[in-house]
Amino acid sequence: MSAFPPSPAVRHRSGSFQRKLRRIARNWELYLFLIPTIAYFLIFRYYPMYGIQIAFRNFKSTKGILGSQWVGLRNFERFFSATDFWQLLNNTLSVSIGTLLCSFPVPILLALFLNQLPSKRYKKIVQTVIYAPHFISTVVLVGIISLFFSPSSGIVNFIIQWLGGTPIHFMGQASWFRPLYIGSDIWQNAGWGSILYLAALASISPELHEAAVVDGANKFQRILHVDLPGILPTIVVMFILNSGKVMSVGFEKAYLMQTSLNLSASEIIATYVYKRGLLQAQFSFSTAVGLFESLANLILILTMNFISKKVTDSSLF
């Protein structure tokens, strides 16, 4: 037994821990509600991380994960030295950054315009119309794109011919893949994305607008000097979150829009992982590619969060 009594810092930590235990004991019913959430993350988020080591092994299903040979960074070296690595990276970044730059401002503008509508009934009608595309499944969305842009029966080519032009095979040209992908993303998600900014606008004090009106500010000036500064923290947080998904382009839509004619622009990392991992059963290699994608997203979101904290004093953490 020690001859010296515990230090004040140790006693403080011990007392703080005991107070937390007593608080949990008093509110144990509330903490029970956390169990399903904790179980979900442990089972479906953290436990699968055990399989990440496949990226560093020559995985054989008959031997299991631990029984497969450890190969270190060989799978990563194979991916980085592949002849199509730079094309995959360029396609992924072109689609994701283009989608971020083109689609991110649209929900903000929609929310600002909707917030200025004087008629609540008309505002609700507009909101319903622009929210509806979000609930269309990816398969149906790509089907709509194929029908509208069909070279033989699509309405877009019908208008082009009516104006004296020649039909364009949009789905068969690599140069049209990115515009179609980005444009359909804006149409489908812009209305739904404006909900968050409308909620942020609703939290702005009406007294600020009243003061601006008294000072003679018109609607545009009120948007510029009252609404935008009021939702700036929300904009920053959403931009950081979207920046963390730059490498994770939606697999479903890219794969469904992919044809043998536009493969040079539509083959992205997500579709590459699917083809190598599931279709060709190269589990270790595809896991390494997926891990590279996740690490790149992590670095991006940490970098954007650091820059945002320094520049705007708004950040995720």
C-alpha atoms as a PDB file:
ATOM      1  CA  MET A   1       0.000   0.000   0.000  1.00  0.00           C
ATOM      2  CA  SER A   2       1.361   3.426  -0.964  1.00  0.00           C
ATOM      3  CA  ALA A   3       2.451   5.721   1.839  1.00  0.00           C
ATOM      4  CA  PHE A   4       1.487   8.815  -0.125  1.00  0.00           C
ATOM      5  CA  PRO A   5      -2.128   9.953  -0.530  1.00  0.00           C
ATOM      6  CA  PRO A   6      -3.458  10.416  -4.088  1.00  0.00           C
ATOM      7  CA  SER A   7      -2.791  13.795  -5.670  1.00  0.00           C
ATOM      8  CA  PRO A   8      -5.610  16.371  -6.050  1.00  0.00           C
ATOM      9  CA  ALA A   9      -5.685  15.768  -9.814  1.00  0.00           C
ATOM     10  CA  VAL A  10      -6.190  12.021  -9.327  1.00  0.00           C
ATOM     11  CA  ARG A  11      -8.908  12.627  -6.718  1.00  0.00           C
ATOM     12  CA  HIS A  12     -10.632  15.085  -9.088  1.00  0.00           C
ATOM     13  CA  ARG A  13     -10.640  12.563 -11.962  1.00  0.00           C
ATOM     14  CA  SER A  14     -11.924   9.842  -9.667  1.00  0.00           C
ATOM     15  CA  GLY A  15     -14.701  12.077  -8.327  1.00  0.00           C
ATOM     16  CA  SER A  16     -15.679  13.168 -11.842  1.00  0.00           C
ATOM     17  CA  PHE A  17     -15.888   9.531 -12.996  1.00  0.00           C
ATOM     18  CA  GLN A  18     -18.068   8.606 -10.018  1.00  0.00           C
ATOM     19  CA  ARG A  19     -20.409  11.534 -10.703  1.00  0.00           C
ATOM     20  CA  LYS A  20     -20.785  10.370 -14.312  1.00  0.00           C
ATOM     21  CA  LEU A  21     -21.625   6.854 -13.138  1.00  0.00           C
ATOM     22  CA  ARG A  22     -24.255   8.193 -10.738  1.00  0.00           C
ATOM     23  CA  ARG A  23     -25.744  10.347 -13.521  1.00  0.00           C
ATOM     24  CA  ILE A  24     -25.963   7.304 -15.807  1.00  0.00           C
ATOM     25  CA  ALA A  25     -27.538   5.249 -13.019  1.00  0.00           C
ATOM     26  CA  ARG A  26     -30.205   7.906 -12.437  1.00  0.00           C
ATOM     27  CA  ASN A  27     -31.082   8.119 -16.144  1.00  0.00           C
ATOM     28  CA  TRP A  28     -30.547   4.501 -17.161  1.00  0.00           C
ATOM     29  CA  GLU A  29     -33.840   4.409 -19.083  1.00  0.00           C
ATOM     30  CA  LEU A  30     -32.604   7.117 -21.448  1.00  0.00           C
ATOM     31  CA  TYR A  31     -29.299   5.347 -22.018  1.00  0.00           C
ATOM     32  CA  LEU A  32     -31.194   2.210 -23.037  1.00  0.00           C
ATOM     33  CA  PHE A  33     -32.295   4.053 -26.171  1.00  0.00           C
ATOM     34  CA  LEU A  34     -28.633   4.326 -27.198  1.00  0.00           C
ATOM     35  CA  ILE A  35     -28.173   0.553 -27.325  1.00  0.00           C
ATOM     36  CA  PRO A  36     -29.702  -0.002 -30.829  1.00  0.00           C
ATOM     37  CA  THR A  37     -27.613   2.832 -32.290  1.00  0.00           C
ATOM     38  CA  ILE A  38     -24.416   1.638 -30.624  1.00  0.00           C
ATOM     39  CA  ALA A  39     -25.111  -1.928 -31.740  1.00  0.00           C
ATOM     40  CA  TYR A  40     -25.730  -0.766 -35.312  1.00  0.00           C
ATOM     41  CA  PHE A  41     -22.409   1.060 -35.545  1.00  0.00           C
ATOM     42  CA  LEU A  42     -20.483  -1.734 -33.846  1.00  0.00           C
ATOM     43  CA  ILE A  43     -21.926  -4.461 -36.069  1.00  0.00           C
ATOM     44  CA  PHE A  44     -22.255  -2.699 -39.425  1.00  0.00           C
ATOM     45  CA  ARG A  45     -19.579   0.021 -39.234  1.00  0.00           C
ATOM     46  CA  TYR A  46     -16.731  -1.030 -36.963  1.00  0.00           C
ATOM     47  CA  TYR A  47     -16.749  -4.825 -37.179  1.00  0.00           C
ATOM     48  CA  PRO A  48     -16.414  -4.827 -41.020  1.00  0.00           C
ATOM     49  CA  MET A  49     -13.155  -2.858 -40.588  1.00  0.00           C
ATOM     50  CA  TYR A  50     -11.640  -6.196 -39.626  1.00  0.00           C
ATOM     51  CA  GLY A  51     -11.777  -7.079 -43.309  1.00  0.00           C
ATOM     52  CA  ILE A  52      -9.605  -4.104 -44.331  1.00  0.00           C
ATOM     53  CA  GLN A  53      -6.530  -6.288 -43.860  1.00  0.00           C
ATOM     54  CA  ILE A  54      -7.572  -8.154 -47.028  1.00  0.00           C
ATOM     55  CA  ALA A  55      -5.991  -5.230 -48.880  1.00  0.00           C
ATOM     56  CA  PHE A  56      -2.613  -6.247 -47.470  1.00  0.00           C
ATOM     57  CA  ARG A  57      -2.982  -9.985 -48.137  1.00  0.00           C
ATOM     58  CA  ASN A  58      -3.264 -12.322 -51.097  1.00  0.00           C
ATOM     59  CA  PHE A  59      -6.732 -13.326 -49.979  1.00  0.00           C
ATOM     60  CA  LYS A  60      -7.906 -16.868 -50.631  1.00  0.00           C
ATOM     61  CA  SER A  61     -11.435 -17.678 -49.528  1.00  0.00           C
ATOM     62  CA  THR A  62     -10.448 -21.260 -48.708  1.00  0.00           C
ATOM     63  CA  LYS A  63      -7.776 -20.058 -46.262  1.00  0.00           C
ATOM     64  CA  GLY A  64      -9.692 -17.194 -44.712  1.00  0.00           C
ATOM     65  CA  ILE A  65      -8.374 -13.758 -43.880  1.00  0.00           C
ATOM     66  CA  LEU A  66      -5.757 -14.704 -41.297  1.00  0.00           C
ATOM     67  CA  GLY A  67      -4.639 -17.756 -43.250  1.00  0.00           C
ATOM     68  CA  SER A  68      -3.995 -15.818 -46.477  1.00  0.00           C
ATOM     69  CA  GLN A  69      -0.478 -14.685 -47.303  1.00  0.00           C
ATOM     70  CA  TRP A  70       0.570 -11.200 -46.145  1.00  0.00           C
ATOM     71  CA  VAL A  71       1.832  -9.183 -49.139  1.00  0.00           C
ATOM     72  CA  GLY A  72       2.069  -5.694 -47.648  1.00  0.00           C
ATOM     73  CA  LEU A  73       1.574  -2.847 -50.110  1.00  0.00           C
ATOM     74  CA  ARG A  74       1.789  -5.009 -53.235  1.00  0.00           C
ATOM     75  CA  ASN A  75      -1.881  -4.498 -54.153  1.00  0.00           C
ATOM     76  CA  PHE A  76      -1.546  -0.726 -53.825  1.00  0.00           C
ATOM     77  CA  GLU A  77       1.599  -0.721 -55.963  1.00  0.00           C
ATOM     78  CA  ARG A  78      -0.241  -2.747 -58.575  1.00  0.00           C
ATOM     79  CA  PHE A  79      -3.058  -0.201 -58.699  1.00  0.00           C
ATOM     80  CA  PHE A  80      -0.785   2.852 -58.821  1.00  0.00           C
ATOM     81  CA  SER A  81       1.320   1.301 -61.601  1.00  0.00           C
ATOM     82  CA  ALA A  82      -1.680   0.195 -63.675  1.00  0.00           C
ATOM     83  CA  THR A  83      -1.925   1.674 -67.166  1.00  0.00           C
ATOM     84  CA  ASP A  84      -5.446   2.988 -66.531  1.00  0.00           C
ATOM     85  CA  PHE A  85      -4.761   4.483 -63.066  1.00  0.00           C
ATOM     86  CA  TRP A  86      -4.507   8.092 -64.228  1.00  0.00           C
ATOM     87  CA  GLN A  87      -7.539   7.746 -66.482  1.00  0.00           C
ATOM     88  CA  LEU A  88      -9.598   6.349 -63.593  1.00  0.00           C
ATOM     89  CA  LEU A  89      -8.426   9.128 -61.277  1.00  0.00           C
ATOM     90  CA  ASN A  90      -9.111  11.793 -63.895  1.00  0.00           C
ATOM     91  CA  ASN A  91     -12.589  10.456 -64.665  1.00  0.00           C
ATOM     92  CA  THR A  92     -13.490  10.209 -60.974  1.00  0.00           C
ATOM     93  CA  LEU A  93     -12.257  13.695 -60.119  1.00  0.00           C
ATOM     94  CA  SER A  94     -13.793  15.244 -63.243  1.00  0.00           C
ATOM     95  CA  VAL A  95     -17.241  13.884 -62.434  1.00  0.00           C
ATOM     96  CA  SER A  96     -17.101  14.493 -58.671  1.00  0.00           C
ATOM     97  CA  ILE A  97     -15.536  17.966 -58.722  1.00  0.00           C
ATOM     98  CA  GLY A  98     -17.770  18.999 -61.607  1.00  0.00           C
ATOM     99  CA  THR A  99     -20.817  17.784 -59.679  1.00  0.00           C
ATOM    100  CA  LEU A 100     -19.660  19.599 -56.526  1.00  0.00           C
ATOM    101  CA  LEU A 101     -18.976  22.924 -58.246  1.00  0.00           C
ATOM    102  CA  CYS A 102     -22.107  22.884 -60.415  1.00  0.00           C
ATOM    103  CA  SER A 103     -24.676  21.355 -58.079  1.00  0.00           C
ATOM    104  CA  PHE A 104     -23.600  22.734 -54.689  1.00  0.00           C
ATOM    105  CA  PRO A 105     -24.698  26.387 -55.286  1.00  0.00           C
ATOM    106  CA  VAL A 106     -28.077  25.459 -56.800  1.00  0.00           C
ATOM    107  CA  PRO A 107     -29.865  24.417 -53.538  1.00  0.00           C
ATOM    108  CA  ILE A 108     -28.601  27.611 -51.902  1.00  0.00           C
ATOM    109  CA  LEU A 109     -30.015  29.771 -54.695  1.00  0.00           C
ATOM    110  CA  LEU A 110     -33.296  27.837 -54.657  1.00  0.00           C
ATOM    111  CA  ALA A 111     -33.635  28.309 -50.905  1.00  0.00           C
ATOM    112  CA  LEU A 112     -32.929  32.055 -51.172  1.00  0.00           C
ATOM    113  CA  PHE A 113     -35.510  32.490 -53.933  1.00  0.00           C
ATOM    114  CA  LEU A 114     -38.150  30.351 -52.206  1.00  0.00           C
ATOM    115  CA  ASN A 115     -37.630  32.291 -49.004  1.00  0.00           C
ATOM    116  CA  GLN A 116     -38.584  35.485 -50.831  1.00  0.00           C
ATOM    117  CA  LEU A 117     -41.871  34.180 -52.260  1.00  0.00           C
ATOM    118  CA  PRO A 118     -44.758  36.126 -50.707  1.00  0.00           C
ATOM    119  CA  SER A 119     -47.443  33.500 -51.403  1.00  0.00           C
ATOM    120  CA  LYS A 120     -47.192  30.523 -49.029  1.00  0.00           C
ATOM    121  CA  ARG A 121     -49.488  28.420 -51.220  1.00  0.00           C
ATOM    122  CA  TYR A 122     -47.389  28.987 -54.335  1.00  0.00           C
ATOM    123  CA  LYS A 123     -44.248  28.334 -52.290  1.00  0.00           C
ATOM    124  CA  LYS A 124     -45.583  24.933 -51.165  1.00  0.00           C
ATOM    125  CA  ILE A 125     -46.508  23.995 -54.747  1.00  0.00           C
ATOM    126  CA  VAL A 126     -43.020  24.893 -56.001  1.00  0.00           C
ATOM    127  CA  GLN A 127     -41.408  22.984 -53.141  1.00  0.00           C
ATOM    128  CA  THR A 128     -43.457  19.869 -53.883  1.00  0.00           C
ATOM    129  CA  VAL A 129     -42.520  19.992 -57.578  1.00  0.00           C
ATOM    130  CA  ILE A 130     -38.778  20.427 -56.994  1.00  0.00           C
ATOM    131  CA  TYR A 131     -38.644  17.850 -54.145  1.00  0.00           C
ATOM    132  CA  ALA A 132     -40.326  15.100 -56.186  1.00  0.00           C
ATOM    133  CA  PRO A 133     -37.321  14.078 -58.374  1.00  0.00           C
ATOM    134  CA  HIS A 134     -35.349  13.144 -55.242  1.00  0.00           C
ATOM    135  CA  PHE A 135     -37.629  10.158 -54.682  1.00  0.00           C
ATOM    136  CA  ILE A 136     -37.043   8.712 -58.143  1.00  0.00           C
ATOM    137  CA  SER A 137     -34.794   5.652 -57.996  1.00  0.00           C
ATOM    138  CA  THR A 138     -31.468   5.673 -59.834  1.00  0.00           C
ATOM    139  CA  VAL A 139     -32.620   2.971 -62.256  1.00  0.00           C
ATOM    140  CA  VAL A 140     -35.716   4.964 -63.198  1.00  0.00           C
ATOM    141  CA  LEU A 141     -33.659   8.154 -63.492  1.00  0.00           C
ATOM    142  CA  VAL A 142     -31.222   6.569 -65.954  1.00  0.00           C
ATOM    143  CA  GLY A 143     -34.196   5.158 -67.864  1.00  0.00           C
ATOM    144  CA  ILE A 144     -35.632   8.677 -68.151  1.00  0.00           C
ATOM    145  CA  ILE A 145     -32.276   9.980 -69.386  1.00  0.00           C
ATOM    146  CA  SER A 146     -32.087   7.220 -71.997  1.00  0.00           C
ATOM    147  CA  LEU A 147     -35.613   7.958 -73.239  1.00  0.00           C
ATOM    148  CA  PHE A 148     -35.270  11.737 -73.331  1.00  0.00           C
ATOM    149  CA  PHE A 149     -31.873  11.664 -75.048  1.00  0.00           C
ATOM    150  CA  SER A 150     -32.504   8.727 -77.376  1.00  0.00           C
ATOM    151  CA  PRO A 151     -31.094   9.410 -80.882  1.00  0.00           C
ATOM    152  CA  SER A 152     -34.216   7.989 -82.562  1.00  0.00           C
ATOM    153  CA  SER A 153     -37.205   8.823 -80.357  1.00  0.00           C
ATOM    154  CA  GLY A 154     -35.923  11.192 -77.641  1.00  0.00           C
ATOM    155  CA  ILE A 155     -37.596  14.549 -77.219  1.00  0.00           C
ATOM    156  CA  VAL A 156     -34.236  16.338 -77.041  1.00  0.00           C
ATOM    157  CA  ASN A 157     -33.163  15.051 -80.461  1.00  0.00           C
ATOM    158  CA  PHE A 158     -36.650  15.796 -81.785  1.00  0.00           C
ATOM    159  CA  ILE A 159     -36.174  19.451 -80.797  1.00  0.00           C
ATOM    160  CA  ILE A 160     -32.669  19.453 -82.318  1.00  0.00           C
ATOM    161  CA  GLN A 161     -34.040  18.129 -85.618  1.00  0.00           C
ATOM    162  CA  TRP A 162     -36.943  20.594 -85.514  1.00  0.00           C
ATOM    163  CA  LEU A 163     -34.380  23.405 -85.220  1.00  0.00           C
ATOM    164  CA  GLY A 164     -32.504  22.036 -88.247  1.00  0.00           C
ATOM    165  CA  GLY A 165     -29.747  20.067 -86.487  1.00  0.00           C
ATOM    166  CA  THR A 166     -28.714  16.432 -86.686  1.00  0.00           C
ATOM    167  CA  PRO A 167     -29.507  13.847 -83.981  1.00  0.00           C
ATOM    168  CA  ILE A 168     -26.846  13.280 -81.313  1.00  0.00           C
ATOM    169  CA  HIS A 169     -26.177   9.919 -79.694  1.00  0.00           C
ATOM    170  CA  PHE A 170     -25.761  11.358 -76.197  1.00  0.00           C
ATOM    171  CA  MET A 171     -25.352   8.033 -74.371  1.00  0.00           C
ATOM    172  CA  GLY A 172     -22.837   6.811 -76.927  1.00  0.00           C
ATOM    173  CA  GLN A 173     -20.418   9.741 -76.805  1.00  0.00           C
ATOM    174  CA  ALA A 174     -17.849  10.037 -74.028  1.00  0.00           C
ATOM    175  CA  SER A 175     -17.944  13.836 -74.192  1.00  0.00           C
ATOM    176  CA  TRP A 176     -21.617  13.875 -73.138  1.00  0.00           C
ATOM    177  CA  PHE A 177     -21.295  11.537 -70.150  1.00  0.00           C
ATOM    178  CA  ARG A 178     -20.238  14.195 -67.618  1.00  0.00           C
ATOM    179  CA  PRO A 179     -22.828  16.841 -68.655  1.00  0.00           C
ATOM    180  CA  LEU A 180     -25.618  14.252 -68.465  1.00  0.00           C
ATOM    181  CA  TYR A 181     -24.397  12.935 -65.116  1.00  0.00           C
ATOM    182  CA  ILE A 182     -24.014  16.386 -63.550  1.00  0.00           C
ATOM    183  CA  GLY A 183     -27.186  17.805 -65.055  1.00  0.00           C
ATOM    184  CA  SER A 184     -29.326  14.875 -63.884  1.00  0.00           C
ATOM    185  CA  ASP A 185     -27.794  15.160 -60.401  1.00  0.00           C
ATOM    186  CA  ILE A 186     -28.787  18.818 -60.192  1.00  0.00           C
ATOM    187  CA  TRP A 187     -32.324  18.066 -61.381  1.00  0.00           C
ATOM    188  CA  GLN A 188     -32.767  15.202 -58.924  1.00  0.00           C
ATOM    189  CA  ASN A 189     -31.188  16.590 -55.747  1.00  0.00           C
ATOM    190  CA  ALA A 190     -31.245  20.389 -55.880  1.00  0.00           C
ATOM    191  CA  GLY A 191     -34.777  20.742 -54.507  1.00  0.00           C
ATOM    192  CA  TRP A 192     -34.230  18.255 -51.709  1.00  0.00           C
ATOM    193  CA  GLY A 193     -30.913  19.882 -50.788  1.00  0.00           C
ATOM    194  CA  SER A 194     -32.602  23.267 -50.379  1.00  0.00           C
ATOM    195  CA  ILE A 195     -34.587  22.024 -47.348  1.00  0.00           C
ATOM    196  CA  LEU A 196     -31.605  22.421 -45.012  1.00  0.00           C
ATOM    197  CA  TYR A 197     -30.926  25.968 -46.185  1.00  0.00           C
ATOM    198  CA  LEU A 198     -34.608  26.900 -45.867  1.00  0.00           C
ATOM    199  CA  ALA A 199     -34.476  25.714 -42.253  1.00  0.00           C
ATOM    200  CA  ALA A 200     -31.371  27.830 -41.685  1.00  0.00           C
ATOM    201  CA  LEU A 201     -33.085  30.849 -43.256  1.00  0.00           C
ATOM    202  CA  ALA A 202     -36.107  30.359 -40.988  1.00  0.00           C
ATOM    203  CA  SER A 203     -33.838  30.708 -37.949  1.00  0.00           C
ATOM    204  CA  ILE A 204     -32.704  34.221 -38.975  1.00  0.00           C
ATOM    205  CA  SER A 205     -34.310  36.874 -36.776  1.00  0.00           C
ATOM    206  CA  PRO A 206     -37.048  38.877 -38.596  1.00  0.00           C
ATOM    207  CA  GLU A 207     -35.782  41.961 -36.759  1.00  0.00           C
ATOM    208  CA  LEU A 208     -32.700  41.959 -38.990  1.00  0.00           C
ATOM    209  CA  HIS A 209     -34.875  42.159 -42.102  1.00  0.00           C
ATOM    210  CA  GLU A 210     -37.046  44.841 -40.513  1.00  0.00           C
ATOM    211  CA  ALA A 211     -33.980  46.910 -39.700  1.00  0.00           C
ATOM    212  CA  ALA A 212     -32.681  46.448 -43.244  1.00  0.00           C
ATOM    213  CA  VAL A 213     -36.037  47.597 -44.696  1.00  0.00           C
ATOM    214  CA  VAL A 214     -35.981  50.670 -42.463  1.00  0.00           C
ATOM    215  CA  ASP A 215     -32.502  51.441 -43.779  1.00  0.00           C
ATOM    216  CA  GLY A 216     -33.839  51.271 -47.332  1.00  0.00           C
ATOM    217  CA  ALA A 217     -32.436  47.901 -48.393  1.00  0.00           C
ATOM    218  CA  ASN A 218     -34.162  46.154 -51.285  1.00  0.00           C
ATOM    219  CA  LYS A 219     -34.701  42.381 -51.525  1.00  0.00           C
ATOM    220  CA  PHE A 220     -31.393  41.701 -53.216  1.00  0.00           C
ATOM    221  CA  GLN A 221     -29.489  43.688 -50.602  1.00  0.00           C
ATOM    222  CA  ARG A 222     -31.305  41.856 -47.808  1.00  0.00           C
ATOM    223  CA  ILE A 223     -30.365  38.511 -49.368  1.00  0.00           C
ATOM    224  CA  LEU A 224     -26.756  39.641 -49.725  1.00  0.00           C
ATOM    225  CA  HIS A 225     -26.278  41.203 -46.290  1.00  0.00           C
ATOM    226  CA  VAL A 226     -28.790  39.357 -44.072  1.00  0.00           C
ATOM    227  CA  ASP A 227     -29.682  35.939 -45.500  1.00  0.00           C
ATOM    228  CA  LEU A 228     -26.279  34.843 -46.834  1.00  0.00           C
ATOM    229  CA  PRO A 229     -24.310  35.721 -43.659  1.00  0.00           C
ATOM    230  CA  GLY A 230     -27.026  33.990 -41.623  1.00  0.00           C
ATOM    231  CA  ILE A 231     -26.685  30.668 -43.458  1.00  0.00           C
ATOM    232  CA  LEU A 232     -22.922  30.873 -44.065  1.00  0.00           C
ATOM    233  CA  PRO A 233     -22.035  28.397 -41.249  1.00  0.00           C
ATOM    234  CA  THR A 234     -24.480  25.882 -42.745  1.00  0.00           C
ATOM    235  CA  ILE A 235     -23.015  26.401 -46.209  1.00  0.00           C
ATOM    236  CA  VAL A 236     -19.483  25.853 -44.900  1.00  0.00           C
ATOM    237  CA  VAL A 237     -20.395  22.642 -43.051  1.00  0.00           C
ATOM    238  CA  MET A 238     -22.231  21.219 -46.066  1.00  0.00           C
ATOM    239  CA  PHE A 239     -19.337  22.104 -48.375  1.00  0.00           C
ATOM    240  CA  ILE A 240     -16.908  20.295 -46.065  1.00  0.00           C
ATOM    241  CA  LEU A 241     -19.141  17.210 -45.993  1.00  0.00           C
ATOM    242  CA  ASN A 242     -19.520  17.209 -49.779  1.00  0.00           C
ATOM    243  CA  SER A 243     -15.773  17.693 -50.207  1.00  0.00           C
ATOM    244  CA  GLY A 244     -15.250  14.511 -48.209  1.00  0.00           C
ATOM    245  CA  LYS A 245     -17.125  12.574 -50.907  1.00  0.00           C
ATOM    246  CA  VAL A 246     -15.083  13.772 -53.881  1.00  0.00           C
ATOM    247  CA  MET A 247     -13.585  10.331 -54.507  1.00  0.00           C
ATOM    248  CA  SER A 248     -16.887   8.521 -53.889  1.00  0.00           C
ATOM    249  CA  VAL A 249     -18.819   9.138 -57.074  1.00  0.00           C
ATOM    250  CA  GLY A 250     -22.159   7.351 -57.078  1.00  0.00           C
ATOM    251  CA  PHE A 251     -21.565   3.863 -58.435  1.00  0.00           C
ATOM    252  CA  GLU A 252     -25.142   3.033 -59.433  1.00  0.00           C
ATOM    253  CA  LYS A 253     -25.767   5.895 -61.838  1.00  0.00           C
ATOM    254  CA  ALA A 254     -22.286   5.787 -63.368  1.00  0.00           C
ATOM    255  CA  TYR A 255     -22.559   2.043 -63.959  1.00  0.00           C
ATOM    256  CA  LEU A 256     -26.059   2.247 -65.424  1.00  0.00           C
ATOM    257  CA  MET A 257     -25.096   5.129 -67.734  1.00  0.00           C
ATOM    258  CA  GLN A 258     -21.965   3.299 -68.839  1.00  0.00           C
ATOM    259  CA  THR A 259     -21.784   1.894 -72.357  1.00  0.00           C
ATOM    260  CA  SER A 260     -18.953   0.470 -74.430  1.00  0.00           C
ATOM    261  CA  LEU A 261     -18.887   3.735 -76.399  1.00  0.00           C
ATOM    262  CA  ASN A 262     -18.505   6.137 -73.453  1.00  0.00           C
ATOM    263  CA  LEU A 263     -16.239   3.884 -71.357  1.00  0.00           C
ATOM    264  CA  SER A 264     -13.283   6.260 -71.661  1.00  0.00           C
ATOM    265  CA  ALA A 265     -15.188   8.850 -69.596  1.00  0.00           C
ATOM    266  CA  SER A 266     -17.553   6.706 -67.523  1.00  0.00           C
ATOM    267  CA  GLU A 267     -15.072   4.228 -66.045  1.00  0.00           C
ATOM    268  CA  ILE A 268     -14.498   5.556 -62.516  1.00  0.00           C
ATOM    269  CA  ILE A 269     -12.913   4.030 -59.428  1.00  0.00           C
ATOM    270  CA  ALA A 270     -16.247   2.749 -58.084  1.00  0.00           C
ATOM    271  CA  THR A 271     -17.123   0.826 -61.265  1.00  0.00           C
ATOM    272  CA  TYR A 272     -13.517  -0.380 -61.547  1.00  0.00           C
ATOM    273  CA  VAL A 273     -13.683  -1.831 -58.013  1.00  0.00           C
ATOM    274  CA  TYR A 274     -16.974  -3.569 -58.819  1.00  0.00           C
ATOM    275  CA  LYS A 275     -15.638  -5.180 -61.978  1.00  0.00           C
ATOM    276  CA  ARG A 276     -12.347  -6.277 -60.440  1.00  0.00           C
ATOM    277  CA  GLY A 277     -13.740  -7.285 -57.062  1.00  0.00           C
ATOM    278  CA  LEU A 278     -17.044  -9.004 -57.838  1.00  0.00           C
ATOM    279  CA  LEU A 279     -16.907  -9.907 -61.515  1.00  0.00           C
ATOM    280  CA  GLN A 280     -13.255 -11.003 -61.578  1.00  0.00           C
ATOM    281  CA  ALA A 281     -13.044 -12.076 -57.895  1.00  0.00           C
ATOM    282  CA  GLN A 282      -9.880 -10.047 -57.232  1.00  0.00           C
ATOM    283  CA  PHE A 283     -10.871  -9.351 -53.642  1.00  0.00           C
ATOM    284  CA  SER A 284      -7.505  -8.185 -52.287  1.00  0.00           C
ATOM    285  CA  PHE A 285      -6.859  -5.825 -55.177  1.00  0.00           C
ATOM    286  CA  SER A 286     -10.344  -4.290 -55.119  1.00  0.00           C
ATOM    287  CA  THR A 287     -10.175  -3.862 -51.334  1.00  0.00           C
ATOM    288  CA  ALA A 288      -6.887  -1.992 -51.726  1.00  0.00           C
ATOM    289  CA  VAL A 289      -8.447   0.307 -54.332  1.00  0.00           C
ATOM    290  CA  GLY A 290     -11.460   0.922 -52.101  1.00  0.00           C
ATOM    291  CA  LEU A 291      -9.199   1.649 -49.112  1.00  0.00           C
ATOM    292  CA  PHE A 292      -7.226   4.149 -51.200  1.00  0.00           C
ATOM    293  CA  GLU A 293     -10.507   5.855 -52.104  1.00  0.00           C
ATOM    294  CA  SER A 294     -11.597   6.053 -48.444  1.00  0.00           C
ATOM    295  CA  LEU A 295      -8.233   7.393 -47.245  1.00  0.00           C
ATOM    296  CA  ALA A 296      -8.272  10.062 -49.963  1.00  0.00           C
ATOM    297  CA  ASN A 297     -11.749  11.162 -48.823  1.00  0.00           C
ATOM    298  CA  LEU A 298     -10.587  11.271 -45.197  1.00  0.00           C
ATOM    299  CA  ILE A 299      -7.597  13.451 -46.085  1.00  0.00           C
ATOM    300  CA  LEU A 300      -9.810  15.768 -48.137  1.00  0.00           C
ATOM    301  CA  ILE A 301     -12.405  16.272 -45.416  1.00  0.00           C
ATOM    302  CA  LEU A 302      -9.714  16.915 -42.756  1.00  0.00           C
ATOM    303  CA  THR A 303      -7.953  19.393 -45.054  1.00  0.00           C
ATOM    304  CA  MET A 304     -11.143  21.268 -45.922  1.00  0.00           C
ATOM    305  CA  ASN A 305     -12.151  21.343 -42.257  1.00  0.00           C
ATOM    306  CA  PHE A 306      -8.750  22.798 -41.275  1.00  0.00           C
ATOM    307  CA  ILE A 307      -8.885  25.455 -44.012  1.00  0.00           C
ATOM    308  CA  SER A 308     -12.475  26.364 -43.118  1.00  0.00           C
ATOM    309  CA  LYS A 309     -11.610  26.755 -39.443  1.00  0.00           C
ATOM    310  CA  LYS A 310      -8.750  29.097 -40.295  1.00  0.00           C
ATOM    311  CA  VAL A 311     -10.646  31.167 -42.862  1.00  0.00           C
ATOM    312  CA  THR A 312     -14.265  31.315 -41.655  1.00  0.00           C
ATOM    313  CA  ASP A 313     -14.160  30.072 -38.028  1.00  0.00           C
ATOM    314  CA  SER A 314     -16.803  27.496 -39.014  1.00  0.00           C
ATOM    315  CA  SER A 315     -15.979  23.801 -39.109  1.00  0.00           C
ATOM    316  CA  LEU A 316     -17.233  20.326 -38.337  1.00  0.00           C
ATOM    317  CA  PHE A 317     -14.925  19.849 -35.337  1.00  0.00           C
END
